[in-house]
């Protein structure tokens, strides 16, 4: 589908005319330290609707989850309910990021990641509610399940609809070259899965809190090392991509082998533990751990496949066109000002 610029763009171009000294033109995009992004003036009505509805849904989910967490901490801090409330908060935070970053940066795959996150949260809510007996099915859990079931479908539809209209910002960044556009999309896929991998890794590690706030020394070490390690690995991959560091890609791949090794180790350990003592771990935790492990492993494999693709694209002009744009624009602006000053001095 051919991307459409904002309605007002048809009357007045939204190019960055500030470099030429023209400042009274409405800007529909702006250049930041992380790349070109849309402004509020550049959003379509459907994007506004998506932002509002998604924000309300996420804030409602966070509010209910925080209330439930406070109750759990006061009444039964050793319960697995604490694990699930923390898990839902983490996923809600990532969902909020996907909404804002996905819309303003026109990241199609991050909106698809949002859809996946919504489905995962829905699964967690239903699984948590269904796994408990009647006494454990609190009103808050019921309200949360009902809200998720009702609000998820329209949110997913809007995310899909908004993503279909993307393409305008991509054109502003890399131009009309089909080759550059394809390389930019591959880079966007890799960047998106780095975020999804971080989300999956944190979710998997959080499930180590199977006894709520009562952690063993081993679980404290895993929690203290696992999340920072995943964060550093993801940020390192992002830097490697933007700077096209081919040699760093080998280090990124090697250090990434720790992640699937840990996932498999944890799943096998839990399985052996269940074989020895079936009643020691709640079924809800087991099913959630298996689901999170499967998602984490799949995400990791996709990252490795995309790593090969993006590394092959290094040195073909994408870095200069897409990732050094702010530097080049500043350089062009300074050069323009120097030229004007020189002409004034000469005259």
C-alpha atoms as a PDB file:
ATOM      1  CA  UNK A   1       0.000   0.000   0.000  1.00  0.00           C
ATOM      2  CA  UNK A   2       1.395   3.416  -0.995  1.00  0.00           C
ATOM      3  CA  UNK A   3       2.050   5.621   2.066  1.00  0.00           C
ATOM      4  CA  UNK A   4       0.124   8.877   2.341  1.00  0.00           C
ATOM      5  CA  UNK A   5       1.528  12.091   3.817  1.00  0.00           C
ATOM      6  CA  UNK A   6      -0.527  14.082   6.343  1.00  0.00           C
ATOM      7  CA  UNK A   7      -3.519  15.875   4.832  1.00  0.00           C
ATOM      8  CA  UNK A   8      -1.959  19.300   5.276  1.00  0.00           C
ATOM      9  CA  UNK A   9       1.173  18.066   3.548  1.00  0.00           C
ATOM     10  CA  UNK A  10      -0.735  18.153   0.251  1.00  0.00           C
ATOM     11  CA  UNK A  11      -0.912  21.940   0.497  1.00  0.00           C
ATOM     12  CA  UNK A  12       2.461  22.742   2.022  1.00  0.00           C
ATOM     13  CA  UNK A  13       5.548  20.608   1.920  1.00  0.00           C
ATOM     14  CA  UNK A  14       6.906  19.668   5.312  1.00  0.00           C
ATOM     15  CA  UNK A  15      10.550  19.513   4.348  1.00  0.00           C
ATOM     16  CA  UNK A  16      13.119  20.780   6.809  1.00  0.00           C
ATOM     17  CA  UNK A  17      13.332  24.340   5.439  1.00  0.00           C
ATOM     18  CA  UNK A  18      14.964  25.646   8.618  1.00  0.00           C
ATOM     19  CA  UNK A  19      18.366  24.925   7.076  1.00  0.00           C
ATOM     20  CA  UNK A  20      17.555  27.587   4.453  1.00  0.00           C
ATOM     21  CA  UNK A  21      16.466  30.151   7.037  1.00  0.00           C
ATOM     22  CA  UNK A  22      12.702  29.547   6.588  1.00  0.00           C
ATOM     23  CA  UNK A  23      11.185  28.935  10.024  1.00  0.00           C
ATOM     24  CA  UNK A  24       7.459  29.656   9.603  1.00  0.00           C
ATOM     25  CA  UNK A  25       6.602  26.335   7.924  1.00  0.00           C
ATOM     26  CA  UNK A  26       4.761  23.665   9.900  1.00  0.00           C
ATOM     27  CA  UNK A  27       7.076  20.745  10.518  1.00  0.00           C
ATOM     28  CA  UNK A  28       5.655  17.230  10.139  1.00  0.00           C
ATOM     29  CA  UNK A  29       8.996  15.561  10.869  1.00  0.00           C
ATOM     30  CA  UNK A  30      12.010  16.470  12.960  1.00  0.00           C
ATOM     31  CA  UNK A  31      15.514  15.090  13.319  1.00  0.00           C
ATOM     32  CA  UNK A  32      16.586  13.860  16.747  1.00  0.00           C
ATOM     33  CA  UNK A  33      19.696  12.169  18.105  1.00  0.00           C
ATOM     34  CA  UNK A  34      18.055   8.810  17.326  1.00  0.00           C
ATOM     35  CA  UNK A  35      16.930   9.683  13.813  1.00  0.00           C
ATOM     36  CA  UNK A  36      14.069  11.365  12.002  1.00  0.00           C
ATOM     37  CA  UNK A  37      10.686  11.186  13.714  1.00  0.00           C
ATOM     38  CA  UNK A  38       7.174  12.508  13.204  1.00  0.00           C
ATOM     39  CA  UNK A  39       5.838  15.516  15.076  1.00  0.00           C
ATOM     40  CA  UNK A  40       2.337  15.748  16.525  1.00  0.00           C
ATOM     41  CA  UNK A  41       1.335  17.807  13.468  1.00  0.00           C
ATOM     42  CA  UNK A  42       2.348  14.909  11.229  1.00  0.00           C
ATOM     43  CA  UNK A  43      -0.006  12.353  12.765  1.00  0.00           C
ATOM     44  CA  UNK A  44      -3.088  11.064  10.944  1.00  0.00           C
ATOM     45  CA  UNK A  45      -6.463  11.046  12.786  1.00  0.00           C
ATOM     46  CA  UNK A  46      -6.353   7.240  13.009  1.00  0.00           C
ATOM     47  CA  UNK A  47      -2.888   7.472  14.590  1.00  0.00           C
ATOM     48  CA  UNK A  48      -4.252   9.916  17.160  1.00  0.00           C
ATOM     49  CA  UNK A  49      -7.110   7.511  17.904  1.00  0.00           C
ATOM     50  CA  UNK A  50      -4.670   4.627  18.244  1.00  0.00           C
ATOM     51  CA  UNK A  51      -2.430   6.612  20.619  1.00  0.00           C
ATOM     52  CA  UNK A  52      -5.350   7.643  22.831  1.00  0.00           C
ATOM     53  CA  UNK A  53      -7.024   4.227  22.988  1.00  0.00           C
ATOM     54  CA  UNK A  54      -3.746   2.379  23.536  1.00  0.00           C
ATOM     55  CA  UNK A  55      -2.671   4.803  26.268  1.00  0.00           C
ATOM     56  CA  UNK A  56      -5.969   4.399  28.103  1.00  0.00           C
ATOM     57  CA  UNK A  57      -5.773   0.607  27.855  1.00  0.00           C
ATOM     58  CA  UNK A  58      -2.172   0.441  29.065  1.00  0.00           C
ATOM     59  CA  UNK A  59      -2.758   2.888  31.938  1.00  0.00           C
ATOM     60  CA  UNK A  60      -5.840   0.935  33.035  1.00  0.00           C
ATOM     61  CA  UNK A  61      -3.863  -2.308  32.978  1.00  0.00           C
ATOM     62  CA  UNK A  62      -1.016  -0.739  34.952  1.00  0.00           C
ATOM     63  CA  UNK A  63      -3.450   0.706  37.500  1.00  0.00           C
ATOM     64  CA  UNK A  64      -5.184  -2.622  38.134  1.00  0.00           C
ATOM     65  CA  UNK A  65      -1.880  -4.491  38.263  1.00  0.00           C
ATOM     66  CA  UNK A  66      -0.318  -2.026  40.718  1.00  0.00           C
ATOM     67  CA  UNK A  67      -3.369  -2.311  42.969  1.00  0.00           C
ATOM     68  CA  UNK A  68      -3.117  -6.098  42.864  1.00  0.00           C
ATOM     69  CA  UNK A  69       0.633  -5.955  43.585  1.00  0.00           C
ATOM     70  CA  UNK A  70       0.101  -3.813  46.681  1.00  0.00           C
ATOM     71  CA  UNK A  71      -2.536  -6.252  47.959  1.00  0.00           C
ATOM     72  CA  UNK A  72      -0.246  -9.246  47.321  1.00  0.00           C
ATOM     73  CA  UNK A  73       2.727  -7.606  49.067  1.00  0.00           C
ATOM     74  CA  UNK A  74       0.571  -6.851  52.110  1.00  0.00           C
ATOM     75  CA  UNK A  75      -1.236 -10.190  52.338  1.00  0.00           C
ATOM     76  CA  UNK A  76       1.017 -12.859  50.820  1.00  0.00           C
ATOM     77  CA  UNK A  77       4.414 -11.633  49.502  1.00  0.00           C
ATOM     78  CA  UNK A  78       5.538 -15.242  48.975  1.00  0.00           C
ATOM     79  CA  UNK A  79       2.746 -15.930  46.497  1.00  0.00           C
ATOM     80  CA  UNK A  80       3.314 -16.477  42.792  1.00  0.00           C
ATOM     81  CA  UNK A  81       0.789 -13.671  42.276  1.00  0.00           C
ATOM     82  CA  UNK A  82       3.656 -11.258  42.847  1.00  0.00           C
ATOM     83  CA  UNK A  83       5.531 -12.829  39.930  1.00  0.00           C
ATOM     84  CA  UNK A  84       2.575 -12.388  37.599  1.00  0.00           C
ATOM     85  CA  UNK A  85       1.838  -8.804  38.613  1.00  0.00           C
ATOM     86  CA  UNK A  86       5.498  -7.904  38.026  1.00  0.00           C
ATOM     87  CA  UNK A  87       5.408  -9.756  34.703  1.00  0.00           C
ATOM     88  CA  UNK A  88       2.318  -7.836  33.587  1.00  0.00           C
ATOM     89  CA  UNK A  89       3.874  -4.502  34.579  1.00  0.00           C
ATOM     90  CA  UNK A  90       7.007  -5.250  32.532  1.00  0.00           C
ATOM     91  CA  UNK A  91       4.966  -6.181  29.474  1.00  0.00           C
ATOM     92  CA  UNK A  92       2.716  -3.124  29.889  1.00  0.00           C
ATOM     93  CA  UNK A  93       5.799  -0.880  29.945  1.00  0.00           C
ATOM     94  CA  UNK A  94       7.130  -2.447  26.737  1.00  0.00           C
ATOM     95  CA  UNK A  95       3.685  -2.088  25.148  1.00  0.00           C
ATOM     96  CA  UNK A  96       3.712   1.622  25.951  1.00  0.00           C
ATOM     97  CA  UNK A  97       7.115   1.965  24.308  1.00  0.00           C
ATOM     98  CA  UNK A  98       5.969   0.092  21.187  1.00  0.00           C
ATOM     99  CA  UNK A  99       2.949   2.394  20.861  1.00  0.00           C
ATOM    100  CA  UNK A 100       4.848   5.683  21.137  1.00  0.00           C
ATOM    101  CA  UNK A 101       8.041   4.706  19.332  1.00  0.00           C
ATOM    102  CA  UNK A 102       6.151   2.705  16.721  1.00  0.00           C
ATOM    103  CA  UNK A 103       3.865   5.596  15.744  1.00  0.00           C
ATOM    104  CA  UNK A 104       6.306   8.512  15.868  1.00  0.00           C
ATOM    105  CA  UNK A 105       9.127   6.559  14.208  1.00  0.00           C
ATOM    106  CA  UNK A 106       6.800   4.641  11.869  1.00  0.00           C
ATOM    107  CA  UNK A 107       8.145   1.265  12.936  1.00  0.00           C
ATOM    108  CA  UNK A 108       5.795  -1.281  11.387  1.00  0.00           C
ATOM    109  CA  UNK A 109       7.337  -4.252  13.142  1.00  0.00           C
ATOM    110  CA  UNK A 110       7.159  -2.598  16.546  1.00  0.00           C
ATOM    111  CA  UNK A 111       3.399  -2.311  16.142  1.00  0.00           C
ATOM    112  CA  UNK A 112       3.396  -5.994  15.218  1.00  0.00           C
ATOM    113  CA  UNK A 113       5.460  -6.537  18.383  1.00  0.00           C
ATOM    114  CA  UNK A 114       2.756  -4.621  20.256  1.00  0.00           C
ATOM    115  CA  UNK A 115       0.151  -7.016  18.872  1.00  0.00           C
ATOM    116  CA  UNK A 116       2.276  -9.939  20.055  1.00  0.00           C
ATOM    117  CA  UNK A 117       2.688  -8.301  23.483  1.00  0.00           C
ATOM    118  CA  UNK A 118      -1.086  -7.802  23.774  1.00  0.00           C
ATOM    119  CA  UNK A 119      -1.657 -11.464  22.953  1.00  0.00           C
ATOM    120  CA  UNK A 120       0.979 -12.512  25.515  1.00  0.00           C
ATOM    121  CA  UNK A 121      -0.544 -10.318  28.235  1.00  0.00           C
ATOM    122  CA  UNK A 122      -3.992 -11.704  27.410  1.00  0.00           C
ATOM    123  CA  UNK A 123      -2.606 -15.226  27.694  1.00  0.00           C
ATOM    124  CA  UNK A 124      -0.998 -14.457  31.067  1.00  0.00           C
ATOM    125  CA  UNK A 125      -4.204 -12.904  32.436  1.00  0.00           C
ATOM    126  CA  UNK A 126      -6.423 -15.789  31.325  1.00  0.00           C
ATOM    127  CA  UNK A 127      -3.897 -18.405  32.449  1.00  0.00           C
ATOM    128  CA  UNK A 128      -3.501 -16.788  35.867  1.00  0.00           C
ATOM    129  CA  UNK A 129      -7.254 -16.523  36.412  1.00  0.00           C
ATOM    130  CA  UNK A 130      -8.090 -20.027  35.159  1.00  0.00           C
ATOM    131  CA  UNK A 131      -5.307 -21.743  37.102  1.00  0.00           C
ATOM    132  CA  UNK A 132      -6.629 -20.772  40.516  1.00  0.00           C
ATOM    133  CA  UNK A 133      -9.581 -22.246  42.357  1.00  0.00           C
ATOM    134  CA  UNK A 134     -12.673 -20.190  43.165  1.00  0.00           C
ATOM    135  CA  UNK A 135     -11.091 -18.612  46.250  1.00  0.00           C
ATOM    136  CA  UNK A 136      -8.064 -17.470  44.302  1.00  0.00           C
ATOM    137  CA  UNK A 137     -10.095 -15.796  41.539  1.00  0.00           C
ATOM    138  CA  UNK A 138     -10.286 -12.285  42.938  1.00  0.00           C
ATOM    139  CA  UNK A 139     -12.449  -9.461  41.601  1.00  0.00           C
ATOM    140  CA  UNK A 140      -9.374  -7.608  40.343  1.00  0.00           C
ATOM    141  CA  UNK A 141      -8.284 -10.640  38.314  1.00  0.00           C
ATOM    142  CA  UNK A 142     -11.782 -11.011  36.862  1.00  0.00           C
ATOM    143  CA  UNK A 143     -11.971  -7.318  35.917  1.00  0.00           C
ATOM    144  CA  UNK A 144      -8.514  -7.554  34.347  1.00  0.00           C
ATOM    145  CA  UNK A 145      -9.486 -10.594  32.266  1.00  0.00           C
ATOM    146  CA  UNK A 146     -12.708  -8.933  31.106  1.00  0.00           C
ATOM    147  CA  UNK A 147     -10.955  -5.662  30.192  1.00  0.00           C
ATOM    148  CA  UNK A 148      -8.187  -7.463  28.310  1.00  0.00           C
ATOM    149  CA  UNK A 149     -10.664  -9.628  26.416  1.00  0.00           C
ATOM    150  CA  UNK A 150     -12.813  -6.626  25.449  1.00  0.00           C
ATOM    151  CA  UNK A 151     -10.112  -4.038  24.699  1.00  0.00           C
ATOM    152  CA  UNK A 152      -7.502  -6.248  23.042  1.00  0.00           C
ATOM    153  CA  UNK A 153      -9.335  -6.877  19.706  1.00  0.00           C
ATOM    154  CA  UNK A 154      -9.927  -3.173  18.814  1.00  0.00           C
ATOM    155  CA  UNK A 155      -6.409  -2.300  19.923  1.00  0.00           C
ATOM    156  CA  UNK A 156      -4.958  -5.017  17.707  1.00  0.00           C
ATOM    157  CA  UNK A 157      -7.106  -3.883  14.767  1.00  0.00           C
ATOM    158  CA  UNK A 158      -6.018  -0.248  15.148  1.00  0.00           C
ATOM    159  CA  UNK A 159      -2.353  -1.252  15.420  1.00  0.00           C
ATOM    160  CA  UNK A 160      -2.650  -3.270  12.199  1.00  0.00           C
ATOM    161  CA  UNK A 161      -4.526  -0.449  10.452  1.00  0.00           C
ATOM    162  CA  UNK A 162      -2.000   2.210  11.472  1.00  0.00           C
ATOM    163  CA  UNK A 163       0.957   0.029  10.442  1.00  0.00           C
ATOM    164  CA  UNK A 164      -0.523  -0.389   6.940  1.00  0.00           C
ATOM    165  CA  UNK A 165      -0.304   3.382   6.344  1.00  0.00           C
ATOM    166  CA  UNK A 166       3.378   3.646   7.262  1.00  0.00           C
ATOM    167  CA  UNK A 167       6.019   4.428   4.661  1.00  0.00           C
ATOM    168  CA  UNK A 168       6.034   8.231   4.516  1.00  0.00           C
ATOM    169  CA  UNK A 169       8.826   8.622   7.082  1.00  0.00           C
ATOM    170  CA  UNK A 170      10.853   5.856   5.471  1.00  0.00           C
ATOM    171  CA  UNK A 171      10.697   7.785   2.194  1.00  0.00           C
ATOM    172  CA  UNK A 172      11.802  10.972   3.980  1.00  0.00           C
ATOM    173  CA  UNK A 173      14.777   9.133   5.488  1.00  0.00           C
ATOM    174  CA  UNK A 174      16.193   7.006   2.659  1.00  0.00           C
ATOM    175  CA  UNK A 175      14.460   8.413  -0.407  1.00  0.00           C
ATOM    176  CA  UNK A 176      12.977   6.509  -3.340  1.00  0.00           C
ATOM    177  CA  UNK A 177      15.749   3.928  -3.729  1.00  0.00           C
ATOM    178  CA  UNK A 178      14.187   0.461  -3.478  1.00  0.00           C
ATOM    179  CA  UNK A 179      17.542  -1.016  -2.393  1.00  0.00           C
ATOM    180  CA  UNK A 180      17.989   1.466   0.462  1.00  0.00           C
ATOM    181  CA  UNK A 181      14.365   1.026   1.509  1.00  0.00           C
ATOM    182  CA  UNK A 182      14.828  -2.741   1.706  1.00  0.00           C
ATOM    183  CA  UNK A 183      18.026  -2.364   3.763  1.00  0.00           C
ATOM    184  CA  UNK A 184      16.284   0.122   6.056  1.00  0.00           C
ATOM    185  CA  UNK A 185      13.421  -2.325   6.638  1.00  0.00           C
ATOM    186  CA  UNK A 186      15.837  -5.121   7.475  1.00  0.00           C
ATOM    187  CA  UNK A 187      17.590  -2.833   9.955  1.00  0.00           C
ATOM    188  CA  UNK A 188      14.196  -1.941  11.456  1.00  0.00           C
ATOM    189  CA  UNK A 189      13.331  -5.643  11.825  1.00  0.00           C
ATOM    190  CA  UNK A 190      16.646  -6.333  13.561  1.00  0.00           C
ATOM    191  CA  UNK A 191      16.187  -3.343  15.882  1.00  0.00           C
ATOM    192  CA  UNK A 192      12.623  -4.410  16.708  1.00  0.00           C
ATOM    193  CA  UNK A 193      13.625  -7.958  17.589  1.00  0.00           C
ATOM    194  CA  UNK A 194      16.382  -6.630  19.842  1.00  0.00           C
ATOM    195  CA  UNK A 195      13.655  -4.956  21.885  1.00  0.00           C
ATOM    196  CA  UNK A 196      11.457  -8.039  21.767  1.00  0.00           C
ATOM    197  CA  UNK A 197      14.394 -10.162  22.887  1.00  0.00           C
ATOM    198  CA  UNK A 198      14.961  -7.863  25.858  1.00  0.00           C
ATOM    199  CA  UNK A 199      11.280  -8.100  26.736  1.00  0.00           C
ATOM    200  CA  UNK A 200      11.278 -11.901  26.440  1.00  0.00           C
ATOM    201  CA  UNK A 201      14.506 -12.257  28.433  1.00  0.00           C
ATOM    202  CA  UNK A 202      13.239 -10.054  31.285  1.00  0.00           C
ATOM    203  CA  UNK A 203       9.937 -11.943  31.339  1.00  0.00           C
ATOM    204  CA  UNK A 204      11.766 -15.268  31.467  1.00  0.00           C
ATOM    205  CA  UNK A 205      14.063 -14.143  34.288  1.00  0.00           C
ATOM    206  CA  UNK A 206      11.142 -12.664  36.241  1.00  0.00           C
ATOM    207  CA  UNK A 207       9.515 -16.095  36.208  1.00  0.00           C
ATOM    208  CA  UNK A 208      12.449 -17.191  38.393  1.00  0.00           C
ATOM    209  CA  UNK A 209      10.535 -15.384  41.139  1.00  0.00           C
ATOM    210  CA  UNK A 210       8.328 -18.440  41.429  1.00  0.00           C
ATOM    211  CA  UNK A 211       7.973 -17.914  45.152  1.00  0.00           C
ATOM    212  CA  UNK A 212       7.112 -14.246  45.000  1.00  0.00           C
ATOM    213  CA  UNK A 213       9.547 -12.063  46.940  1.00  0.00           C
ATOM    214  CA  UNK A 214      11.193 -15.023  48.727  1.00  0.00           C
ATOM    215  CA  UNK A 215      14.307 -15.507  46.589  1.00  0.00           C
ATOM    216  CA  UNK A 216      17.147 -17.932  46.996  1.00  0.00           C
ATOM    217  CA  UNK A 217      20.748 -16.765  46.579  1.00  0.00           C
ATOM    218  CA  UNK A 218      20.875 -18.391  43.139  1.00  0.00           C
ATOM    219  CA  UNK A 219      17.706 -16.600  42.011  1.00  0.00           C
ATOM    220  CA  UNK A 220      19.046 -13.268  43.296  1.00  0.00           C
ATOM    221  CA  UNK A 221      22.249 -13.759  41.299  1.00  0.00           C
ATOM    222  CA  UNK A 222      20.326 -14.720  38.152  1.00  0.00           C
ATOM    223  CA  UNK A 223      18.033 -11.714  38.545  1.00  0.00           C
ATOM    224  CA  UNK A 224      20.940  -9.353  39.228  1.00  0.00           C
ATOM    225  CA  UNK A 225      23.015 -10.556  36.277  1.00  0.00           C
ATOM    226  CA  UNK A 226      20.447 -11.751  33.726  1.00  0.00           C
ATOM    227  CA  UNK A 227      18.534  -8.507  33.172  1.00  0.00           C
ATOM    228  CA  UNK A 228      21.611  -6.187  32.962  1.00  0.00           C
ATOM    229  CA  UNK A 229      23.305  -8.701  30.643  1.00  0.00           C
ATOM    230  CA  UNK A 230      20.294  -8.730  28.299  1.00  0.00           C
ATOM    231  CA  UNK A 231      20.113  -4.939  28.369  1.00  0.00           C
ATOM    232  CA  UNK A 232      23.813  -4.504  27.541  1.00  0.00           C
ATOM    233  CA  UNK A 233      23.580  -7.141  24.777  1.00  0.00           C
ATOM    234  CA  UNK A 234      20.590  -5.412  23.162  1.00  0.00           C
ATOM    235  CA  UNK A 235      22.132  -1.934  23.383  1.00  0.00           C
ATOM    236  CA  UNK A 236      25.386  -3.324  21.977  1.00  0.00           C
ATOM    237  CA  UNK A 237      23.500  -4.803  19.030  1.00  0.00           C
ATOM    238  CA  UNK A 238      21.765  -1.476  18.413  1.00  0.00           C
ATOM    239  CA  UNK A 239      25.093   0.413  18.418  1.00  0.00           C
ATOM    240  CA  UNK A 240      26.669  -2.222  16.174  1.00  0.00           C
ATOM    241  CA  UNK A 241      23.805  -1.796  13.698  1.00  0.00           C
ATOM    242  CA  UNK A 242      23.860   2.003  13.551  1.00  0.00           C
ATOM    243  CA  UNK A 243      27.638   2.263  13.280  1.00  0.00           C
ATOM    244  CA  UNK A 244      27.933  -0.771  11.003  1.00  0.00           C
ATOM    245  CA  UNK A 245      30.638  -2.382  13.124  1.00  0.00           C
ATOM    246  CA  UNK A 246      31.255  -5.632  11.255  1.00  0.00           C
ATOM    247  CA  UNK A 247      33.895  -6.929  13.680  1.00  0.00           C
ATOM    248  CA  UNK A 248      31.604  -6.243  16.661  1.00  0.00           C
ATOM    249  CA  UNK A 249      28.935  -8.454  15.074  1.00  0.00           C
ATOM    250  CA  UNK A 250      31.062 -11.524  15.857  1.00  0.00           C
ATOM    251  CA  UNK A 251      31.271 -10.562  19.522  1.00  0.00           C
ATOM    252  CA  UNK A 252      27.540  -9.861  19.530  1.00  0.00           C
ATOM    253  CA  UNK A 253      26.808 -13.349  18.163  1.00  0.00           C
ATOM    254  CA  UNK A 254      29.198 -15.133  20.528  1.00  0.00           C
ATOM    255  CA  UNK A 255      27.964 -13.398  23.676  1.00  0.00           C
ATOM    256  CA  UNK A 256      24.413 -14.035  22.513  1.00  0.00           C
ATOM    257  CA  UNK A 257      24.926 -17.794  22.850  1.00  0.00           C
ATOM    258  CA  UNK A 258      24.546 -17.413  26.615  1.00  0.00           C
ATOM    259  CA  UNK A 259      20.855 -16.621  26.249  1.00  0.00           C
ATOM    260  CA  UNK A 260      19.508 -19.817  24.587  1.00  0.00           C
ATOM    261  CA  UNK A 261      21.864 -21.858  26.783  1.00  0.00           C
ATOM    262  CA  UNK A 262      20.258 -20.381  29.890  1.00  0.00           C
ATOM    263  CA  UNK A 263      16.709 -20.771  28.550  1.00  0.00           C
ATOM    264  CA  UNK A 264      17.249 -24.459  27.825  1.00  0.00           C
ATOM    265  CA  UNK A 265      19.028 -25.008  31.157  1.00  0.00           C
ATOM    266  CA  UNK A 266      16.174 -23.410  33.091  1.00  0.00           C
ATOM    267  CA  UNK A 267      13.453 -25.333  31.234  1.00  0.00           C
ATOM    268  CA  UNK A 268      15.268 -28.656  31.714  1.00  0.00           C
ATOM    269  CA  UNK A 269      15.884 -27.872  35.395  1.00  0.00           C
ATOM    270  CA  UNK A 270      12.218 -27.116  36.000  1.00  0.00           C
ATOM    271  CA  UNK A 271      11.203 -30.291  34.174  1.00  0.00           C
ATOM    272  CA  UNK A 272      13.540 -32.420  36.310  1.00  0.00           C
ATOM    273  CA  UNK A 273      12.301 -30.673  39.452  1.00  0.00           C
ATOM    274  CA  UNK A 274       8.706 -31.446  38.549  1.00  0.00           C
ATOM    275  CA  UNK A 275       9.567 -35.094  37.918  1.00  0.00           C
ATOM    276  CA  UNK A 276      11.059 -35.335  41.414  1.00  0.00           C
ATOM    277  CA  UNK A 277       8.378 -33.296  43.205  1.00  0.00           C
ATOM    278  CA  UNK A 278       5.238 -32.592  41.121  1.00  0.00           C
ATOM    279  CA  UNK A 279       3.648 -30.369  43.793  1.00  0.00           C
ATOM    280  CA  UNK A 280       6.657 -28.131  44.353  1.00  0.00           C
ATOM    281  CA  UNK A 281       5.905 -25.673  41.539  1.00  0.00           C
ATOM    282  CA  UNK A 282       2.524 -24.300  40.519  1.00  0.00           C
ATOM    283  CA  UNK A 283       1.273 -25.318  37.082  1.00  0.00           C
ATOM    284  CA  UNK A 284       0.708 -21.669  36.189  1.00  0.00           C
ATOM    285  CA  UNK A 285       4.393 -20.894  36.637  1.00  0.00           C
ATOM    286  CA  UNK A 286       5.404 -23.965  34.625  1.00  0.00           C
ATOM    287  CA  UNK A 287       3.139 -23.178  31.668  1.00  0.00           C
ATOM    288  CA  UNK A 288       4.166 -19.525  31.696  1.00  0.00           C
ATOM    289  CA  UNK A 289       7.835 -20.451  31.868  1.00  0.00           C
ATOM    290  CA  UNK A 290       7.494 -22.798  28.902  1.00  0.00           C
ATOM    291  CA  UNK A 291       5.612 -20.151  26.888  1.00  0.00           C
ATOM    292  CA  UNK A 292       8.164 -17.441  27.747  1.00  0.00           C
ATOM    293  CA  UNK A 293      11.038 -19.804  26.931  1.00  0.00           C
ATOM    294  CA  UNK A 294       9.560 -20.689  23.538  1.00  0.00           C
ATOM    295  CA  UNK A 295       9.038 -16.999  22.694  1.00  0.00           C
ATOM    296  CA  UNK A 296      12.560 -16.102  23.865  1.00  0.00           C
ATOM    297  CA  UNK A 297      14.179 -18.882  21.838  1.00  0.00           C
ATOM    298  CA  UNK A 298      12.216 -18.025  18.689  1.00  0.00           C
ATOM    299  CA  UNK A 299      13.113 -14.344  19.050  1.00  0.00           C
ATOM    300  CA  UNK A 300      16.797 -15.177  19.504  1.00  0.00           C
ATOM    301  CA  UNK A 301      16.871 -17.358  16.365  1.00  0.00           C
ATOM    302  CA  UNK A 302      15.238 -14.569  14.331  1.00  0.00           C
ATOM    303  CA  UNK A 303      17.825 -12.076  15.608  1.00  0.00           C
ATOM    304  CA  UNK A 304      20.662 -14.360  14.541  1.00  0.00           C
ATOM    305  CA  UNK A 305      19.120 -14.778  11.076  1.00  0.00           C
ATOM    306  CA  UNK A 306      18.602 -11.011  10.728  1.00  0.00           C
ATOM    307  CA  UNK A 307      22.155 -10.386  11.970  1.00  0.00           C
ATOM    308  CA  UNK A 308      23.512 -12.154   8.890  1.00  0.00           C
ATOM    309  CA  UNK A 309      21.301 -10.032   6.632  1.00  0.00           C
ATOM    310  CA  UNK A 310      22.089  -6.636   8.178  1.00  0.00           C
ATOM    311  CA  UNK A 311      25.840  -7.326   8.342  1.00  0.00           C
ATOM    312  CA  UNK A 312      25.819  -8.118   4.603  1.00  0.00           C
ATOM    313  CA  UNK A 313      24.231  -4.689   4.063  1.00  0.00           C
ATOM    314  CA  UNK A 314      27.034  -2.863   5.887  1.00  0.00           C
ATOM    315  CA  UNK A 315      28.985  -0.422   3.759  1.00  0.00           C
ATOM    316  CA  UNK A 316      26.270   0.063   1.125  1.00  0.00           C
ATOM    317  CA  UNK A 317      25.183   3.578   2.074  1.00  0.00           C
ATOM    318  CA  UNK A 318      22.460   2.977   4.656  1.00  0.00           C
ATOM    319  CA  UNK A 319      24.527   4.311   7.563  1.00  0.00           C
ATOM    320  CA  UNK A 320      25.233   7.594   5.799  1.00  0.00           C
ATOM    321  CA  UNK A 321      21.653   7.978   4.606  1.00  0.00           C
ATOM    322  CA  UNK A 322      19.679   6.884   7.672  1.00  0.00           C
ATOM    323  CA  UNK A 323      21.869   6.881  10.760  1.00  0.00           C
ATOM    324  CA  UNK A 324      24.175   9.861  10.167  1.00  0.00           C
ATOM    325  CA  UNK A 325      21.358  12.118   9.032  1.00  0.00           C
ATOM    326  CA  UNK A 326      21.490  14.450  12.044  1.00  0.00           C
ATOM    327  CA  UNK A 327      25.227  14.931  11.638  1.00  0.00           C
ATOM    328  CA  UNK A 328      24.942  15.617   7.914  1.00  0.00           C
ATOM    329  CA  UNK A 329      22.068  18.062   8.411  1.00  0.00           C
ATOM    330  CA  UNK A 330      23.991  19.964  11.062  1.00  0.00           C
ATOM    331  CA  UNK A 331      27.059  19.980   8.839  1.00  0.00           C
ATOM    332  CA  UNK A 332      24.999  21.271   5.928  1.00  0.00           C
ATOM    333  CA  UNK A 333      23.421  23.966   8.076  1.00  0.00           C
ATOM    334  CA  UNK A 334      26.799  25.147   9.406  1.00  0.00           C
ATOM    335  CA  UNK A 335      28.243  25.163   5.914  1.00  0.00           C
ATOM    336  CA  UNK A 336      25.296  27.225   4.695  1.00  0.00           C
ATOM    337  CA  UNK A 337      25.718  29.746   7.490  1.00  0.00           C
ATOM    338  CA  UNK A 338      29.452  30.020   6.860  1.00  0.00           C
ATOM    339  CA  UNK A 339      28.783  30.629   3.163  1.00  0.00           C
ATOM    340  CA  UNK A 340      26.281  33.383   3.995  1.00  0.00           C
ATOM    341  CA  UNK A 341      28.722  35.007   6.432  1.00  0.00           C
ATOM    342  CA  UNK A 342      31.532  34.884   3.882  1.00  0.00           C
ATOM    343  CA  UNK A 343      29.329  36.437   1.219  1.00  0.00           C
ATOM    344  CA  UNK A 344      28.331  39.222   3.606  1.00  0.00           C
ATOM    345  CA  UNK A 345      31.976  39.904   4.500  1.00  0.00           C
ATOM    346  CA  UNK A 346      32.997  39.989   0.837  1.00  0.00           C
ATOM    347  CA  UNK A 347      30.179  42.378  -0.019  1.00  0.00           C
END
